[in-house]
Each structure stands twice: as structure tokens, then as C-alpha cells.
Amino acid sequence: MNAWFTLSMQMMKLGMESQIIILQRLSRLQMGGPVAQREAVRMVTEKATTAAAEAFAMSMALASGKSPQSALESTVRSYRKKVAANRRRLGRTSKGSGKVAPAR
């Protein structure tokens, strides 16, 4: 299979998975209170930190002679791991009550 097509598919999966996270975060923010405030702060901090770290990692990969495709694949893989971790964290509920567990 064409490597660029595979990368495109991984990017499409990342986009779809990200939509789930957005929905989960909006649900948490809708509850209001300290849980929502912690989530809002975490969301903004996480996005800024991750974007900076990934930009640095990509520039280092390119500077070390890796191909643009390889650098992009690594970045997409890294973002998908972070999205999966957020999905697990945001999907937890507190002991069957149907309520979202507070963020830690």
C-alpha cells in the first residue's frame, strides 16, 4: 500500500478520534463547577504543551535527515497516543453512577 495513503488514513483516524474527545470534553465542561474548570485548564495547557513538543520533535527529525513522511508519521502516532489516553481518562465513570469521575 502507498505509504502516503497509509499516512492519510492514520490522519483521518486521528481526526475522528479527536471528535470523540471534543464531545467528551464538552460534556465535562457542561457540568460546570470545579471539574469543568480543571478540564478547561488541562485542555488548554495540554494543547499548548503538545503542539510545542511535537513541533520540536518534528524539526529535530527533519534536521537529523529523516524524511518529511517519517516525521509526519511519528507526529501522528504521538498525537493518536495522547488522544487515546484522553479518551480513557474522560470515559471513566464513578462506580456505575453514570457520573463522570473527577479529573485528577
N, C-alpha and C. Protein backbone atom coordinates (compact mmCIF):
# COMPACT_ATOMS: atom_id res chain seq x y z
N MET A 1 0.85 -1.18 0.00
CA MET A 1 0.00 0.00 0.00
C MET A 1 0.89 1.24 0.00
N ASN A 2 0.47 2.25 -0.67
CA ASN A 2 1.20 3.51 -0.75
C ASN A 2 1.37 4.11 0.65
N ALA A 3 2.61 4.47 0.99
CA ALA A 3 2.89 4.99 2.32
C ALA A 3 2.16 6.30 2.60
N TRP A 4 2.00 7.15 1.59
CA TRP A 4 1.27 8.40 1.79
C TRP A 4 -0.21 8.15 2.03
N PHE A 5 -0.75 7.13 1.37
CA PHE A 5 -2.15 6.77 1.61
C PHE A 5 -2.33 6.27 3.03
N THR A 6 -1.40 5.44 3.49
CA THR A 6 -1.45 4.94 4.86
C THR A 6 -1.39 6.09 5.86
N LEU A 7 -0.49 7.04 5.63
CA LEU A 7 -0.39 8.20 6.50
C LEU A 7 -1.70 9.00 6.48
N SER A 8 -2.29 9.15 5.31
CA SER A 8 -3.57 9.87 5.21
C SER A 8 -4.66 9.17 6.01
N MET A 9 -4.67 7.85 5.97
CA MET A 9 -5.66 7.09 6.73
C MET A 9 -5.45 7.28 8.23
N GLN A 10 -4.19 7.29 8.67
CA GLN A 10 -3.88 7.50 10.08
C GLN A 10 -4.31 8.90 10.52
N MET A 11 -4.12 9.87 9.65
CA MET A 11 -4.54 11.23 9.96
C MET A 11 -6.06 11.33 10.03
N MET A 12 -6.75 10.60 9.15
CA MET A 12 -8.20 10.59 9.19
C MET A 12 -8.70 9.96 10.49
N LYS A 13 -8.06 8.87 10.91
CA LYS A 13 -8.43 8.23 12.18
C LYS A 13 -8.21 9.19 13.34
N LEU A 14 -7.09 9.91 13.31
CA LEU A 14 -6.80 10.90 14.35
C LEU A 14 -7.91 11.95 14.41
N GLY A 15 -8.34 12.41 13.26
CA GLY A 15 -9.41 13.40 13.22
C GLY A 15 -10.71 12.87 13.82
N MET A 16 -11.06 11.64 13.47
CA MET A 16 -12.30 11.06 14.00
C MET A 16 -12.19 10.81 15.51
N GLU A 17 -11.05 10.31 15.95
CA GLU A 17 -10.85 10.07 17.38
C GLU A 17 -10.88 11.38 18.16
N SER A 18 -10.34 12.42 17.56
CA SER A 18 -10.33 13.74 18.21
C SER A 18 -11.75 14.27 18.40
N GLN A 19 -12.64 13.98 17.45
CA GLN A 19 -14.03 14.41 17.59
C GLN A 19 -14.69 13.79 18.81
N ILE A 20 -14.34 12.55 19.11
CA ILE A 20 -14.88 11.88 20.30
C ILE A 20 -14.39 12.59 21.56
N ILE A 21 -13.12 12.97 21.57
CA ILE A 21 -12.55 13.68 22.73
C ILE A 21 -13.24 15.03 22.89
N ILE A 22 -13.49 15.70 21.79
CA ILE A 22 -14.17 17.00 21.88
C ILE A 22 -15.54 16.83 22.51
N LEU A 23 -16.28 15.82 22.09
CA LEU A 23 -17.59 15.55 22.66
C LEU A 23 -17.49 15.24 24.16
N GLN A 24 -16.52 14.40 24.53
CA GLN A 24 -16.35 14.06 25.95
C GLN A 24 -15.98 15.29 26.76
N ARG A 25 -15.12 16.13 26.22
CA ARG A 25 -14.71 17.33 26.96
C ARG A 25 -15.87 18.32 27.07
N LEU A 26 -16.63 18.47 26.01
CA LEU A 26 -17.78 19.37 26.08
C LEU A 26 -18.79 18.89 27.12
N SER A 27 -18.97 17.58 27.21
CA SER A 27 -19.87 17.02 28.22
C SER A 27 -19.37 17.35 29.62
N ARG A 28 -18.07 17.23 29.82
CA ARG A 28 -17.50 17.54 31.12
C ARG A 28 -17.60 19.03 31.42
N LEU A 29 -17.35 19.86 30.42
CA LEU A 29 -17.42 21.31 30.62
C LEU A 29 -18.86 21.75 30.91
N GLN A 30 -19.82 21.06 30.31
CA GLN A 30 -21.22 21.40 30.50
C GLN A 30 -21.66 21.22 31.95
N MET A 31 -21.02 20.31 32.68
CA MET A 31 -21.38 20.07 34.08
C MET A 31 -21.06 21.27 34.96
N GLY A 32 -20.09 22.05 34.54
CA GLY A 32 -19.70 23.22 35.32
C GLY A 32 -18.97 22.83 36.60
N GLY A 33 -18.67 23.80 37.40
CA GLY A 33 -18.03 23.58 38.69
C GLY A 33 -16.54 23.30 38.56
N PRO A 34 -15.96 22.80 39.65
CA PRO A 34 -14.51 22.59 39.67
C PRO A 34 -14.03 21.55 38.66
N VAL A 35 -14.83 20.54 38.39
CA VAL A 35 -14.44 19.51 37.41
C VAL A 35 -14.27 20.15 36.04
N ALA A 36 -15.23 20.98 35.67
CA ALA A 36 -15.18 21.65 34.37
C ALA A 36 -14.01 22.62 34.30
N GLN A 37 -13.77 23.32 35.38
CA GLN A 37 -12.67 24.28 35.39
C GLN A 37 -11.33 23.56 35.24
N ARG A 38 -11.16 22.45 35.96
CA ARG A 38 -9.92 21.69 35.84
C ARG A 38 -9.74 21.17 34.41
N GLU A 39 -10.83 20.71 33.82
CA GLU A 39 -10.75 20.18 32.45
C GLU A 39 -10.39 21.29 31.46
N ALA A 40 -10.96 22.46 31.63
CA ALA A 40 -10.66 23.58 30.73
C ALA A 40 -9.18 23.96 30.82
N VAL A 41 -8.67 24.05 32.03
CA VAL A 41 -7.26 24.39 32.22
C VAL A 41 -6.38 23.29 31.63
N ARG A 42 -6.73 22.05 31.91
CA ARG A 42 -5.95 20.92 31.41
C ARG A 42 -5.94 20.91 29.88
N MET A 43 -7.10 21.16 29.29
CA MET A 43 -7.24 21.13 27.84
C MET A 43 -6.33 22.17 27.19
N VAL A 44 -6.37 23.38 27.66
CA VAL A 44 -5.56 24.44 27.07
C VAL A 44 -4.08 24.18 27.29
N THR A 45 -3.71 23.80 28.50
CA THR A 45 -2.32 23.53 28.82
C THR A 45 -1.79 22.37 27.98
N GLU A 46 -2.58 21.32 27.91
CA GLU A 46 -2.18 20.13 27.16
C GLU A 46 -1.98 20.45 25.68
N LYS A 47 -2.87 21.21 25.10
CA LYS A 47 -2.76 21.54 23.68
C LYS A 47 -1.50 22.36 23.41
N ALA A 48 -1.23 23.35 24.22
CA ALA A 48 -0.05 24.19 24.01
C ALA A 48 1.23 23.39 24.19
N THR A 49 1.29 22.58 25.24
CA THR A 49 2.48 21.78 25.52
C THR A 49 2.72 20.76 24.42
N THR A 50 1.67 20.08 24.02
CA THR A 50 1.81 19.04 23.00
C THR A 50 2.20 19.65 21.66
N ALA A 51 1.59 20.74 21.28
CA ALA A 51 1.93 21.38 20.00
C ALA A 51 3.40 21.79 19.96
N ALA A 52 3.88 22.37 21.05
CA ALA A 52 5.28 22.79 21.11
C ALA A 52 6.21 21.58 21.06
N ALA A 53 5.89 20.55 21.83
CA ALA A 53 6.74 19.35 21.86
C ALA A 53 6.77 18.65 20.50
N GLU A 54 5.62 18.57 19.85
CA GLU A 54 5.58 17.90 18.54
C GLU A 54 6.28 18.72 17.47
N ALA A 55 6.16 20.03 17.52
CA ALA A 55 6.87 20.88 16.55
C ALA A 55 8.38 20.72 16.72
N PHE A 56 8.83 20.66 17.97
CA PHE A 56 10.26 20.47 18.23
C PHE A 56 10.71 19.10 17.75
N ALA A 57 9.93 18.06 18.06
CA ALA A 57 10.30 16.70 17.65
C ALA A 57 10.35 16.58 16.13
N MET A 58 9.39 17.21 15.46
CA MET A 58 9.38 17.14 14.00
C MET A 58 10.58 17.87 13.42
N SER A 59 10.89 19.04 13.96
CA SER A 59 12.03 19.79 13.43
C SER A 59 13.34 19.04 13.68
N MET A 60 13.45 18.39 14.82
CA MET A 60 14.66 17.60 15.10
C MET A 60 14.76 16.39 14.16
N ALA A 61 13.63 15.76 13.89
CA ALA A 61 13.63 14.62 12.97
C ALA A 61 14.07 15.06 11.57
N LEU A 62 13.52 16.17 11.12
CA LEU A 62 13.90 16.67 9.80
C LEU A 62 15.36 17.11 9.77
N ALA A 63 15.82 17.76 10.84
CA ALA A 63 17.21 18.21 10.90
C ALA A 63 18.18 17.03 10.93
N SER A 64 17.74 15.90 11.45
CA SER A 64 18.63 14.73 11.52
C SER A 64 18.59 13.91 10.24
N GLY A 65 17.84 14.38 9.24
CA GLY A 65 17.85 13.72 7.95
C GLY A 65 16.68 12.79 7.68
N LYS A 66 15.74 12.71 8.59
CA LYS A 66 14.57 11.86 8.34
C LYS A 66 13.70 12.51 7.28
N SER A 67 12.95 11.69 6.59
CA SER A 67 12.08 12.20 5.53
C SER A 67 10.88 12.92 6.15
N PRO A 68 10.29 13.85 5.40
CA PRO A 68 9.08 14.51 5.90
C PRO A 68 7.99 13.50 6.24
N GLN A 69 7.86 12.47 5.43
CA GLN A 69 6.84 11.46 5.69
C GLN A 69 7.09 10.76 7.01
N SER A 70 8.32 10.40 7.27
CA SER A 70 8.67 9.74 8.53
C SER A 70 8.39 10.65 9.72
N ALA A 71 8.73 11.93 9.59
CA ALA A 71 8.48 12.88 10.68
C ALA A 71 6.98 13.04 10.92
N LEU A 72 6.19 13.09 9.85
CA LEU A 72 4.73 13.20 9.99
C LEU A 72 4.14 11.95 10.62
N GLU A 73 4.62 10.78 10.20
CA GLU A 73 4.12 9.53 10.77
C GLU A 73 4.35 9.49 12.27
N SER A 74 5.52 9.91 12.69
CA SER A 74 5.85 9.93 14.11
C SER A 74 4.94 10.90 14.86
N THR A 75 4.68 12.05 14.28
CA THR A 75 3.83 13.05 14.92
C THR A 75 2.39 12.54 15.05
N VAL A 76 1.87 11.95 13.99
CA VAL A 76 0.50 11.43 14.02
C VAL A 76 0.40 10.31 15.05
N ARG A 77 1.39 9.43 15.09
CA ARG A 77 1.40 8.33 16.07
C ARG A 77 1.38 8.89 17.49
N SER A 78 2.18 9.91 17.74
CA SER A 78 2.25 10.52 19.07
C SER A 78 0.91 11.15 19.46
N TYR A 79 0.31 11.90 18.53
CA TYR A 79 -1.00 12.52 18.82
C TYR A 79 -2.06 11.47 19.07
N ARG A 80 -2.04 10.38 18.30
CA ARG A 80 -3.06 9.34 18.50
C ARG A 80 -2.92 8.69 19.88
N LYS A 81 -1.69 8.54 20.37
CA LYS A 81 -1.49 8.00 21.72
C LYS A 81 -2.08 8.94 22.76
N LYS A 82 -1.85 10.24 22.58
CA LYS A 82 -2.38 11.22 23.53
C LYS A 82 -3.91 11.25 23.49
N VAL A 83 -4.47 11.15 22.30
CA VAL A 83 -5.93 11.14 22.16
C VAL A 83 -6.50 9.89 22.84
N ALA A 84 -5.85 8.75 22.66
CA ALA A 84 -6.32 7.50 23.28
C ALA A 84 -6.27 7.61 24.80
N ALA A 85 -5.22 8.22 25.33
CA ALA A 85 -5.11 8.39 26.78
C ALA A 85 -6.22 9.30 27.30
N ASN A 86 -6.51 10.37 26.56
CA ASN A 86 -7.60 11.27 26.96
C ASN A 86 -8.95 10.56 26.89
N ARG A 87 -9.12 9.74 25.87
CA ARG A 87 -10.39 9.01 25.74
C ARG A 87 -10.60 8.08 26.92
N ARG A 88 -9.55 7.38 27.33
CA ARG A 88 -9.66 6.51 28.51
C ARG A 88 -9.97 7.32 29.76
N ARG A 89 -9.25 8.42 29.94
CA ARG A 89 -9.44 9.25 31.14
C ARG A 89 -10.84 9.86 31.17
N LEU A 90 -11.27 10.41 30.06
CA LEU A 90 -12.56 11.09 30.02
C LEU A 90 -13.73 10.12 30.02
N GLY A 91 -13.50 8.88 29.65
CA GLY A 91 -14.57 7.90 29.59
C GLY A 91 -14.86 7.20 30.90
N ARG A 92 -13.99 7.41 31.89
CA ARG A 92 -14.21 6.77 33.19
C ARG A 92 -15.42 7.36 33.88
N THR A 93 -16.18 6.51 34.56
CA THR A 93 -17.29 6.99 35.38
C THR A 93 -17.06 6.51 36.80
N SER A 94 -17.71 7.17 37.72
CA SER A 94 -17.52 6.80 39.12
C SER A 94 -18.52 5.72 39.53
N LYS A 95 -18.06 4.51 39.71
CA LYS A 95 -18.76 3.35 40.24
C LYS A 95 -20.20 3.20 39.78
N GLY A 96 -20.39 3.23 38.46
CA GLY A 96 -21.70 2.93 37.91
C GLY A 96 -22.76 3.99 38.12
N SER A 97 -22.41 5.13 38.66
CA SER A 97 -23.42 6.16 38.91
C SER A 97 -23.81 6.91 37.64
N GLY A 98 -23.01 6.68 36.58
CA GLY A 98 -23.26 7.41 35.34
C GLY A 98 -22.62 8.78 35.33
N LYS A 99 -22.07 9.20 36.46
CA LYS A 99 -21.41 10.49 36.55
C LYS A 99 -19.95 10.32 36.15
N VAL A 100 -19.44 11.34 35.51
CA VAL A 100 -18.04 11.33 35.12
C VAL A 100 -17.18 11.51 36.36
N ALA A 101 -16.14 10.69 36.46
CA ALA A 101 -15.22 10.80 37.60
C ALA A 101 -14.46 12.10 37.50
N PRO A 102 -14.14 12.74 38.62
CA PRO A 102 -13.40 13.99 38.58
C PRO A 102 -12.01 13.82 37.96
N ALA A 103 -11.56 14.83 37.25
CA ALA A 103 -10.21 14.79 36.66
C ALA A 103 -9.18 14.85 37.77
N ARG A 104 -8.10 14.20 37.52
CA ARG A 104 -7.01 14.21 38.52
C ARG A 104 -5.85 14.99 38.03
